[in-house]
Amino acid sequence: MPHPTQAPTGPRTTETPLHSGVKLPWQSPLEWDDGGLNLEENPQGGESGHDWEVLQPQGVYAAFGRPLLNAVLTLACLPLIAAVILPLLLINVVRYRSFRRAIFVQERIGRRTRPFRLYKLRTMDDSHGTEYENWKKGDEGRVPPFGRFLRQTHLDELPQMLNILKGDMTFVGPRPEMKETHSFACEHVPQFAQRNALLPGITGLAQITTGYAGNDALMYQRKFERDEAYRQEYSLATDLKILVQTPFWMLRMRGWTQRTAPST
């Protein structure tokens, strides 16, 4: 087994996706690939791996309260988000000289491990060299100042309002993982995929307490523990607490730190 604090070096996360000639999700705007991964190979990655009905929160709030809260938040937030995202989008259009490239689309793992298209403001420049070289370099040199600002404040996540309108996401829930990181986490954290019993959210308990996990298995363990705590304490009070704390987390600009090459 790989070291618990480093990404695995086996074929699932390096050799297969990085040397197979398949483009990785972040390499092409509005296009993606599974990087050679097959979720059906992972017993925690397919729908048959869990009894989703048992894991799904029950009760009056889950059945009626949460849908009502989502409807109210959508009506209240949609105009505000539109007003905030428009100037950010225009800056990105100028930066990348294309409206199409200003928005980044990537496949993520959603409710009950079903993949969906997630929308973000682009924050990273194009990669150069081979996929393996870029993986070794991490984010170093590829995130411009404006992209760093968007990541640190999580403003790059605002286009996910489209995902909410499509029904792929909600306001509060576990953050959706890429296929590669989902596979990595499932290999290192027992029962990690059961967090997918819930719709993924723009914000969540793990999001405002642990931040980005990077390629650290211990951080994914902590993320899973926070997501499990949220699933078991699924209530209006918990959702409101997370929603109130989210803007303060964004203002602290602790949403992302540059990932450099892993030590050897």
C-alpha atoms as a PDB file:
ATOM      1  CA  MET A   1       0.000   0.000   0.000  1.00  0.00           C
ATOM      2  CA  PRO A   2       1.303   3.526  -0.743  1.00  0.00           C
ATOM      3  CA  HIS A   3       2.444   5.763   2.061  1.00  0.00           C
ATOM      4  CA  PRO A   4      -0.701   7.099   3.810  1.00  0.00           C
ATOM      5  CA  THR A   5       0.196  10.722   3.154  1.00  0.00           C
ATOM      6  CA  GLN A   6       1.152  10.441  -0.509  1.00  0.00           C
ATOM      7  CA  ALA A   7      -0.727   9.729  -3.710  1.00  0.00           C
ATOM      8  CA  PRO A   8      -0.424   6.134  -4.874  1.00  0.00           C
ATOM      9  CA  THR A   9       2.113   5.381  -7.556  1.00  0.00           C
ATOM     10  CA  GLY A  10       0.314   2.367  -8.999  1.00  0.00           C
ATOM     11  CA  PRO A  11      -1.356   2.215 -12.371  1.00  0.00           C
ATOM     12  CA  ARG A  12      -4.715   3.525 -11.178  1.00  0.00           C
ATOM     13  CA  THR A  13      -3.516   7.062 -10.502  1.00  0.00           C
ATOM     14  CA  THR A  14      -0.323   7.474 -12.507  1.00  0.00           C
ATOM     15  CA  GLU A  15       0.734   4.959 -15.127  1.00  0.00           C
ATOM     16  CA  THR A  16      -2.642   4.239 -16.697  1.00  0.00           C
ATOM     17  CA  PRO A  17      -4.078   7.786 -17.002  1.00  0.00           C
ATOM     18  CA  LEU A  18      -0.768   9.559 -17.505  1.00  0.00           C
ATOM     19  CA  HIS A  19       0.891   7.293 -20.042  1.00  0.00           C
ATOM     20  CA  SER A  20      -2.086   5.881 -21.927  1.00  0.00           C
ATOM     21  CA  GLY A  21      -2.402   8.902 -24.220  1.00  0.00           C
ATOM     22  CA  VAL A  22      -5.818   9.733 -22.765  1.00  0.00           C
ATOM     23  CA  LYS A  23      -6.388  13.405 -22.021  1.00  0.00           C
ATOM     24  CA  LEU A  24      -7.019  14.124 -18.384  1.00  0.00           C
ATOM     25  CA  PRO A  25     -10.077  16.154 -17.350  1.00  0.00           C
ATOM     26  CA  TRP A  26      -8.281  19.483 -16.889  1.00  0.00           C
ATOM     27  CA  GLN A  27      -6.461  19.448 -20.213  1.00  0.00           C
ATOM     28  CA  SER A  28      -9.258  20.502 -22.554  1.00  0.00           C
ATOM     29  CA  PRO A  29     -12.017  23.101 -22.021  1.00  0.00           C
ATOM     30  CA  LEU A  30     -15.546  21.708 -22.021  1.00  0.00           C
ATOM     31  CA  GLU A  31     -14.176  18.196 -22.537  1.00  0.00           C
ATOM     32  CA  TRP A  32     -12.987  15.502 -20.165  1.00  0.00           C
ATOM     33  CA  ASP A  33     -12.162  11.848 -19.914  1.00  0.00           C
ATOM     34  CA  ASP A  34     -12.143   9.303 -17.120  1.00  0.00           C
ATOM     35  CA  GLY A  35      -8.351   9.084 -17.321  1.00  0.00           C
ATOM     36  CA  GLY A  36      -8.512   5.347 -17.826  1.00  0.00           C
ATOM     37  CA  LEU A  37     -10.442   4.762 -14.603  1.00  0.00           C
ATOM     38  CA  ASN A  38     -13.514   2.578 -14.356  1.00  0.00           C
ATOM     39  CA  LEU A  39     -15.610   3.091 -11.277  1.00  0.00           C
ATOM     40  CA  GLU A  40     -17.159  -0.328 -11.687  1.00  0.00           C
ATOM     41  CA  GLU A  41     -13.744  -1.807 -10.865  1.00  0.00           C
ATOM     42  CA  ASN A  42     -13.919  -0.249  -7.409  1.00  0.00           C
ATOM     43  CA  PRO A  43     -16.384  -1.931  -5.014  1.00  0.00           C
ATOM     44  CA  GLN A  44     -16.909   1.449  -3.348  1.00  0.00           C
ATOM     45  CA  GLY A  45     -17.279   3.280  -6.630  1.00  0.00           C
ATOM     46  CA  GLY A  46     -20.476   1.845  -8.076  1.00  0.00           C
ATOM     47  CA  GLU A  47     -24.097   2.005  -7.006  1.00  0.00           C
ATOM     48  CA  SER A  48     -24.040  -1.652  -5.937  1.00  0.00           C
ATOM     49  CA  GLY A  49     -21.436  -0.942  -3.274  1.00  0.00           C
ATOM     50  CA  HIS A  50     -23.846   0.599  -0.761  1.00  0.00           C
ATOM     51  CA  ASP A  51     -27.448   0.452   0.363  1.00  0.00           C
ATOM     52  CA  TRP A  52     -28.180   4.041  -0.584  1.00  0.00           C
ATOM     53  CA  GLU A  53     -31.707   4.046   0.825  1.00  0.00           C
ATOM     54  CA  VAL A  54     -30.342   3.209   4.270  1.00  0.00           C
ATOM     55  CA  LEU A  55     -27.646   5.879   4.045  1.00  0.00           C
ATOM     56  CA  GLN A  56     -30.064   8.536   2.795  1.00  0.00           C
ATOM     57  CA  PRO A  57     -31.246  10.881   5.608  1.00  0.00           C
ATOM     58  CA  GLN A  58     -34.896  10.383   6.563  1.00  0.00           C
ATOM     59  CA  GLY A  59     -37.474  12.506   8.307  1.00  0.00           C
ATOM     60  CA  VAL A  60     -39.622  15.569   7.726  1.00  0.00           C
ATOM     61  CA  TYR A  61     -36.706  17.893   7.027  1.00  0.00           C
ATOM     62  CA  ALA A  62     -35.183  15.589   4.417  1.00  0.00           C
ATOM     63  CA  ALA A  63     -38.534  15.078   2.699  1.00  0.00           C
ATOM     64  CA  PHE A  64     -40.007  18.580   2.847  1.00  0.00           C
ATOM     65  CA  GLY A  65     -37.817  21.068   4.690  1.00  0.00           C
ATOM     66  CA  ARG A  66     -34.677  20.713   2.608  1.00  0.00           C
ATOM     67  CA  PRO A  67     -36.431  21.057  -0.784  1.00  0.00           C
ATOM     68  CA  LEU A  68     -38.182  24.163   0.529  1.00  0.00           C
ATOM     69  CA  LEU A  69     -34.890  25.631   1.774  1.00  0.00           C
ATOM     70  CA  ASN A  70     -33.284  24.991  -1.613  1.00  0.00           C
ATOM     71  CA  ALA A  71     -36.147  26.740  -3.399  1.00  0.00           C
ATOM     72  CA  VAL A  72     -35.904  29.792  -1.128  1.00  0.00           C
ATOM     73  CA  LEU A  73     -32.115  29.959  -1.473  1.00  0.00           C
ATOM     74  CA  THR A  74     -32.328  29.655  -5.250  1.00  0.00           C
ATOM     75  CA  LEU A  75     -34.773  32.540  -5.540  1.00  0.00           C
ATOM     76  CA  ALA A  76     -32.772  34.681  -3.111  1.00  0.00           C
ATOM     77  CA  CYS A  77     -29.271  33.893  -4.367  1.00  0.00           C
ATOM     78  CA  LEU A  78     -29.711  33.658  -8.126  1.00  0.00           C
ATOM     79  CA  PRO A  79     -29.798  37.434  -8.778  1.00  0.00           C
ATOM     80  CA  LEU A  80     -26.900  38.056  -6.377  1.00  0.00           C
ATOM     81  CA  ILE A  81     -24.745  35.303  -7.848  1.00  0.00           C
ATOM     82  CA  ALA A  82     -25.489  36.522 -11.372  1.00  0.00           C
ATOM     83  CA  ALA A  83     -24.400  40.042 -10.416  1.00  0.00           C
ATOM     84  CA  VAL A  84     -21.157  38.798  -8.846  1.00  0.00           C
ATOM     85  CA  ILE A  85     -20.207  36.290 -11.503  1.00  0.00           C
ATOM     86  CA  LEU A  86     -20.709  38.593 -14.516  1.00  0.00           C
ATOM     87  CA  PRO A  87     -17.628  40.803 -13.920  1.00  0.00           C
ATOM     88  CA  LEU A  88     -15.538  37.764 -12.930  1.00  0.00           C
ATOM     89  CA  LEU A  89     -16.574  36.009 -16.110  1.00  0.00           C
ATOM     90  CA  LEU A  90     -15.699  39.057 -18.226  1.00  0.00           C
ATOM     91  CA  ILE A  91     -12.229  39.183 -16.663  1.00  0.00           C
ATOM     92  CA  ASN A  92     -11.759  35.529 -17.489  1.00  0.00           C
ATOM     93  CA  VAL A  93     -12.968  36.066 -21.055  1.00  0.00           C
ATOM     94  CA  VAL A  94     -10.317  38.765 -21.489  1.00  0.00           C
ATOM     95  CA  ARG A  95      -7.690  36.634 -19.744  1.00  0.00           C
ATOM     96  CA  TYR A  96      -8.279  33.545 -21.888  1.00  0.00           C
ATOM     97  CA  ARG A  97      -9.528  35.398 -25.011  1.00  0.00           C
ATOM     98  CA  SER A  98     -12.549  33.161 -25.272  1.00  0.00           C
ATOM     99  CA  PHE A  99     -15.903  32.853 -23.555  1.00  0.00           C
ATOM    100  CA  ARG A 100     -15.763  29.100 -24.047  1.00  0.00           C
ATOM    101  CA  ARG A 101     -12.404  28.845 -22.301  1.00  0.00           C
ATOM    102  CA  ALA A 102     -13.459  31.152 -19.471  1.00  0.00           C
ATOM    103  CA  ILE A 103     -15.701  28.388 -18.108  1.00  0.00           C
ATOM    104  CA  PHE A 104     -14.150  25.090 -17.087  1.00  0.00           C
ATOM    105  CA  VAL A 105     -16.246  21.925 -17.253  1.00  0.00           C
ATOM    106  CA  GLN A 106     -15.129  18.747 -15.548  1.00  0.00           C
ATOM    107  CA  GLU A 107     -16.707  15.423 -14.776  1.00  0.00           C
ATOM    108  CA  ARG A 108     -17.255  14.837 -11.065  1.00  0.00           C
ATOM    109  CA  ILE A 109     -18.745  12.060  -8.970  1.00  0.00           C
ATOM    110  CA  GLY A 110     -22.215  12.938  -7.755  1.00  0.00           C
ATOM    111  CA  ARG A 111     -25.061  11.408  -5.788  1.00  0.00           C
ATOM    112  CA  ARG A 112     -24.867   7.623  -5.649  1.00  0.00           C
ATOM    113  CA  THR A 113     -21.548   7.899  -7.550  1.00  0.00           C
ATOM    114  CA  ARG A 114     -23.222   8.985 -10.786  1.00  0.00           C
ATOM    115  CA  PRO A 115     -20.950  11.260 -12.832  1.00  0.00           C
ATOM    116  CA  PHE A 116     -22.078  14.721 -13.859  1.00  0.00           C
ATOM    117  CA  ARG A 117     -20.635  17.839 -15.498  1.00  0.00           C
ATOM    118  CA  LEU A 118     -19.465  20.436 -12.995  1.00  0.00           C
ATOM    119  CA  TYR A 119     -18.994  24.091 -14.002  1.00  0.00           C
ATOM    120  CA  LYS A 120     -16.314  26.420 -12.673  1.00  0.00           C
ATOM    121  CA  LEU A 121     -14.561  29.621 -13.647  1.00  0.00           C
ATOM    122  CA  ARG A 122     -11.248  28.648 -15.198  1.00  0.00           C
ATOM    123  CA  THR A 123      -8.352  29.345 -12.828  1.00  0.00           C
ATOM    124  CA  MET A 124      -5.433  27.448 -14.363  1.00  0.00           C
ATOM    125  CA  ASP A 125      -3.384  28.059 -17.503  1.00  0.00           C
ATOM    126  CA  ASP A 126      -2.842  25.373 -20.119  1.00  0.00           C
ATOM    127  CA  SER A 127      -0.386  22.624 -19.286  1.00  0.00           C
ATOM    128  CA  HIS A 128       2.880  22.079 -21.133  1.00  0.00           C
ATOM    129  CA  GLY A 129       4.952  18.943 -21.452  1.00  0.00           C
ATOM    130  CA  THR A 130       3.743  15.436 -20.724  1.00  0.00           C
ATOM    131  CA  GLU A 131       0.929  14.614 -18.325  1.00  0.00           C
ATOM    132  CA  TYR A 132       3.383  12.928 -15.970  1.00  0.00           C
ATOM    133  CA  GLU A 133       5.650  15.986 -15.848  1.00  0.00           C
ATOM    134  CA  ASN A 134       2.680  18.215 -15.059  1.00  0.00           C
ATOM    135  CA  TRP A 135       1.526  15.862 -12.323  1.00  0.00           C
ATOM    136  CA  LYS A 136       4.995  15.986 -10.725  1.00  0.00           C
ATOM    137  CA  LYS A 137       5.031  19.798 -10.887  1.00  0.00           C
ATOM    138  CA  GLY A 138       1.593  20.101  -9.300  1.00  0.00           C
ATOM    139  CA  ASP A 139      -0.053  23.517  -9.643  1.00  0.00           C
ATOM    140  CA  GLU A 140       3.263  25.353  -9.648  1.00  0.00           C
ATOM    141  CA  GLY A 141       3.418  28.066 -12.299  1.00  0.00           C
ATOM    142  CA  ARG A 142      -0.018  27.297 -13.746  1.00  0.00           C
ATOM    143  CA  VAL A 143      -2.292  29.402 -11.525  1.00  0.00           C
ATOM    144  CA  PRO A 144      -2.164  33.131 -12.378  1.00  0.00           C
ATOM    145  CA  PRO A 145      -2.854  35.787  -9.696  1.00  0.00           C
ATOM    146  CA  PHE A 146      -6.520  36.203 -10.614  1.00  0.00           C
ATOM    147  CA  GLY A 147      -6.985  32.432 -10.650  1.00  0.00           C
ATOM    148  CA  ARG A 148      -5.359  32.238  -7.224  1.00  0.00           C
ATOM    149  CA  PHE A 149      -7.801  34.857  -5.931  1.00  0.00           C
ATOM    150  CA  LEU A 150     -10.774  32.931  -7.328  1.00  0.00           C
ATOM    151  CA  ARG A 151      -9.578  29.711  -5.734  1.00  0.00           C
ATOM    152  CA  GLN A 152      -8.759  31.181  -2.349  1.00  0.00           C
ATOM    153  CA  THR A 153     -12.185  32.830  -2.092  1.00  0.00           C
ATOM    154  CA  HIS A 154     -14.048  29.933  -3.760  1.00  0.00           C
ATOM    155  CA  LEU A 155     -15.597  32.410  -6.193  1.00  0.00           C
ATOM    156  CA  ASP A 156     -14.623  30.029  -8.989  1.00  0.00           C
ATOM    157  CA  GLU A 157     -17.400  27.757  -7.704  1.00  0.00           C
ATOM    158  CA  LEU A 158     -20.235  30.218  -8.439  1.00  0.00           C
ATOM    159  CA  PRO A 159     -21.082  28.751 -11.879  1.00  0.00           C
ATOM    160  CA  GLN A 160     -22.211  25.642 -10.009  1.00  0.00           C
ATOM    161  CA  MET A 161     -25.494  27.474  -9.570  1.00  0.00           C
ATOM    162  CA  LEU A 162     -26.171  25.920 -12.982  1.00  0.00           C
ATOM    163  CA  ASN A 163     -25.588  22.493 -11.442  1.00  0.00           C
ATOM    164  CA  ILE A 164     -28.135  23.303  -8.743  1.00  0.00           C
ATOM    165  CA  LEU A 165     -30.690  24.352 -11.332  1.00  0.00           C
ATOM    166  CA  LYS A 166     -30.037  21.103 -13.221  1.00  0.00           C
ATOM    167  CA  GLY A 167     -30.500  19.036 -10.055  1.00  0.00           C
ATOM    168  CA  ASP A 168     -26.942  17.679  -9.974  1.00  0.00           C
ATOM    169  CA  MET A 169     -25.960  19.607  -6.841  1.00  0.00           C
ATOM    170  CA  THR A 170     -27.424  21.436  -3.883  1.00  0.00           C
ATOM    171  CA  PHE A 171     -26.275  24.333  -1.707  1.00  0.00           C
ATOM    172  CA  VAL A 172     -24.984  22.275   1.242  1.00  0.00           C
ATOM    173  CA  GLY A 173     -23.476  18.831   0.921  1.00  0.00           C
ATOM    174  CA  PRO A 174     -20.211  16.909   0.387  1.00  0.00           C
ATOM    175  CA  ARG A 175     -17.959  18.412  -2.264  1.00  0.00           C
ATOM    176  CA  PRO A 176     -17.923  16.307  -5.459  1.00  0.00           C
ATOM    177  CA  GLU A 177     -14.607  14.668  -6.281  1.00  0.00           C
ATOM    178  CA  MET A 178     -12.928  14.033  -9.614  1.00  0.00           C
ATOM    179  CA  LYS A 179     -12.908  10.377 -10.660  1.00  0.00           C
ATOM    180  CA  GLU A 180      -9.173  10.155  -9.972  1.00  0.00           C
ATOM    181  CA  THR A 181      -9.386  11.635  -6.471  1.00  0.00           C
ATOM    182  CA  HIS A 182     -12.535   9.652  -5.697  1.00  0.00           C
ATOM    183  CA  SER A 183     -10.714   6.444  -6.623  1.00  0.00           C
ATOM    184  CA  PHE A 184      -7.658   7.474  -4.587  1.00  0.00           C
ATOM    185  CA  ALA A 185      -9.801   8.272  -1.534  1.00  0.00           C
ATOM    186  CA  CYS A 186     -11.770   5.025  -1.803  1.00  0.00           C
ATOM    187  CA  GLU A 187      -8.519   3.064  -1.826  1.00  0.00           C
ATOM    188  CA  HIS A 188      -7.221   4.790   1.307  1.00  0.00           C
ATOM    189  CA  VAL A 189     -10.350   5.645   3.343  1.00  0.00           C
ATOM    190  CA  PRO A 190     -12.764   2.805   4.185  1.00  0.00           C
ATOM    191  CA  GLN A 191     -16.367   3.509   3.163  1.00  0.00           C
ATOM    192  CA  PHE A 192     -15.424   6.864   1.645  1.00  0.00           C
ATOM    193  CA  ALA A 193     -18.026   6.477  -1.114  1.00  0.00           C
ATOM    194  CA  GLN A 194     -20.947   6.401   1.309  1.00  0.00           C
ATOM    195  CA  ARG A 195     -20.731  10.201   1.463  1.00  0.00           C
ATOM    196  CA  ASN A 196     -22.203  10.008  -2.041  1.00  0.00           C
ATOM    197  CA  ALA A 197     -25.552   9.086  -0.541  1.00  0.00           C
ATOM    198  CA  LEU A 198     -26.160  12.865  -0.544  1.00  0.00           C
ATOM    199  CA  LEU A 199     -26.290  15.328  -3.377  1.00  0.00           C
ATOM    200  CA  PRO A 200     -22.949  17.165  -3.572  1.00  0.00           C
ATOM    201  CA  GLY A 201     -22.982  20.794  -2.455  1.00  0.00           C
ATOM    202  CA  ILE A 202     -21.341  24.087  -3.304  1.00  0.00           C
ATOM    203  CA  THR A 203     -20.438  24.344   0.367  1.00  0.00           C
ATOM    204  CA  GLY A 204     -20.349  21.841   3.188  1.00  0.00           C
ATOM    205  CA  LEU A 205     -19.051  21.064   6.662  1.00  0.00           C
ATOM    206  CA  ALA A 206     -15.790  19.608   5.339  1.00  0.00           C
ATOM    207  CA  GLN A 207     -15.430  22.513   2.919  1.00  0.00           C
ATOM    208  CA  ILE A 208     -15.382  25.157   5.663  1.00  0.00           C
ATOM    209  CA  THR A 209     -13.332  23.184   8.178  1.00  0.00           C
ATOM    210  CA  THR A 210     -10.695  21.178   6.294  1.00  0.00           C
ATOM    211  CA  GLY A 211     -10.408  22.916   2.912  1.00  0.00           C
ATOM    212  CA  TYR A 212      -8.584  21.192   0.052  1.00  0.00           C
ATOM    213  CA  ALA A 213      -7.252  17.711   0.716  1.00  0.00           C
ATOM    214  CA  GLY A 214      -4.676  17.628  -2.083  1.00  0.00           C
ATOM    215  CA  ASN A 215      -3.082  14.173  -2.395  1.00  0.00           C
ATOM    216  CA  ASP A 216      -2.994  13.591   1.360  1.00  0.00           C
ATOM    217  CA  ALA A 217      -4.878  10.458   2.432  1.00  0.00           C
ATOM    218  CA  LEU A 218      -5.070  11.677   6.032  1.00  0.00           C
ATOM    219  CA  MET A 219      -6.823  14.855   4.877  1.00  0.00           C
ATOM    220  CA  TYR A 220      -9.301  12.737   2.941  1.00  0.00           C
ATOM    221  CA  GLN A 221      -9.949  10.781   6.118  1.00  0.00           C
ATOM    222  CA  ARG A 222     -10.720  14.031   7.933  1.00  0.00           C
ATOM    223  CA  LYS A 223     -12.931  15.156   5.052  1.00  0.00           C
ATOM    224  CA  PHE A 224     -14.835  11.894   5.221  1.00  0.00           C
ATOM    225  CA  GLU A 225     -15.318  12.254   8.975  1.00  0.00           C
ATOM    226  CA  ARG A 226     -16.759  15.760   8.531  1.00  0.00           C
ATOM    227  CA  ASP A 227     -19.044  14.600   5.720  1.00  0.00           C
ATOM    228  CA  GLU A 228     -20.230  11.672   7.813  1.00  0.00           C
ATOM    229  CA  ALA A 229     -20.913  13.987  10.750  1.00  0.00           C
ATOM    230  CA  TYR A 230     -22.991  16.174   8.453  1.00  0.00           C
ATOM    231  CA  ARG A 231     -24.931  13.207   7.043  1.00  0.00           C
ATOM    232  CA  GLN A 232     -25.763  11.968  10.535  1.00  0.00           C
ATOM    233  CA  GLU A 233     -26.719  15.443  11.789  1.00  0.00           C
ATOM    234  CA  TYR A 234     -28.763  16.331   8.713  1.00  0.00           C
ATOM    235  CA  SER A 235     -31.031  19.158   9.896  1.00  0.00           C
ATOM    236  CA  LEU A 236     -32.125  22.723   9.250  1.00  0.00           C
ATOM    237  CA  ALA A 237     -29.955  23.987  12.105  1.00  0.00           C
ATOM    238  CA  THR A 238     -26.850  22.313  10.640  1.00  0.00           C
ATOM    239  CA  ASP A 239     -27.515  23.674   7.155  1.00  0.00           C
ATOM    240  CA  LEU A 240     -28.113  27.204   8.403  1.00  0.00           C
ATOM    241  CA  LYS A 241     -24.941  27.097  10.487  1.00  0.00           C
ATOM    242  CA  ILE A 242     -22.880  26.046   7.457  1.00  0.00           C
ATOM    243  CA  LEU A 243     -24.520  28.666   5.237  1.00  0.00           C
ATOM    244  CA  VAL A 244     -23.781  31.422   7.758  1.00  0.00           C
ATOM    245  CA  GLN A 245     -20.157  30.341   8.229  1.00  0.00           C
ATOM    246  CA  THR A 246     -19.418  29.974   4.502  1.00  0.00           C
ATOM    247  CA  PRO A 247     -19.044  33.721   3.677  1.00  0.00           C
ATOM    248  CA  PHE A 248     -16.624  34.138   6.594  1.00  0.00           C
ATOM    249  CA  TRP A 249     -14.568  31.194   5.316  1.00  0.00           C
ATOM    250  CA  MET A 250     -14.462  32.811   1.887  1.00  0.00           C
ATOM    251  CA  LEU A 251     -13.350  36.168   3.325  1.00  0.00           C
ATOM    252  CA  ARG A 252     -10.473  34.447   5.130  1.00  0.00           C
ATOM    253  CA  MET A 253      -9.193  33.345   1.695  1.00  0.00           C
ATOM    254  CA  ARG A 254      -8.095  29.964   2.987  1.00  0.00           C
ATOM    255  CA  GLY A 255      -9.844  27.962   0.325  1.00  0.00           C
ATOM    256  CA  TRP A 256      -6.721  26.888  -1.561  1.00  0.00           C
ATOM    257  CA  THR A 257      -2.964  26.768  -1.250  1.00  0.00           C
ATOM    258  CA  GLN A 258      -0.636  26.100  -4.162  1.00  0.00           C
ATOM    259  CA  ARG A 259       0.205  22.427  -4.583  1.00  0.00           C
ATOM    260  CA  THR A 260       3.842  21.826  -5.427  1.00  0.00           C
ATOM    261  CA  ALA A 261       5.645  18.698  -6.462  1.00  0.00           C
ATOM    262  CA  PRO A 262       5.429  15.875  -3.916  1.00  0.00           C
ATOM    263  CA  SER A 263       8.593  15.189  -2.007  1.00  0.00           C
ATOM    264  CA  THR A 264      10.537  12.070  -2.859  1.00  0.00           C
END
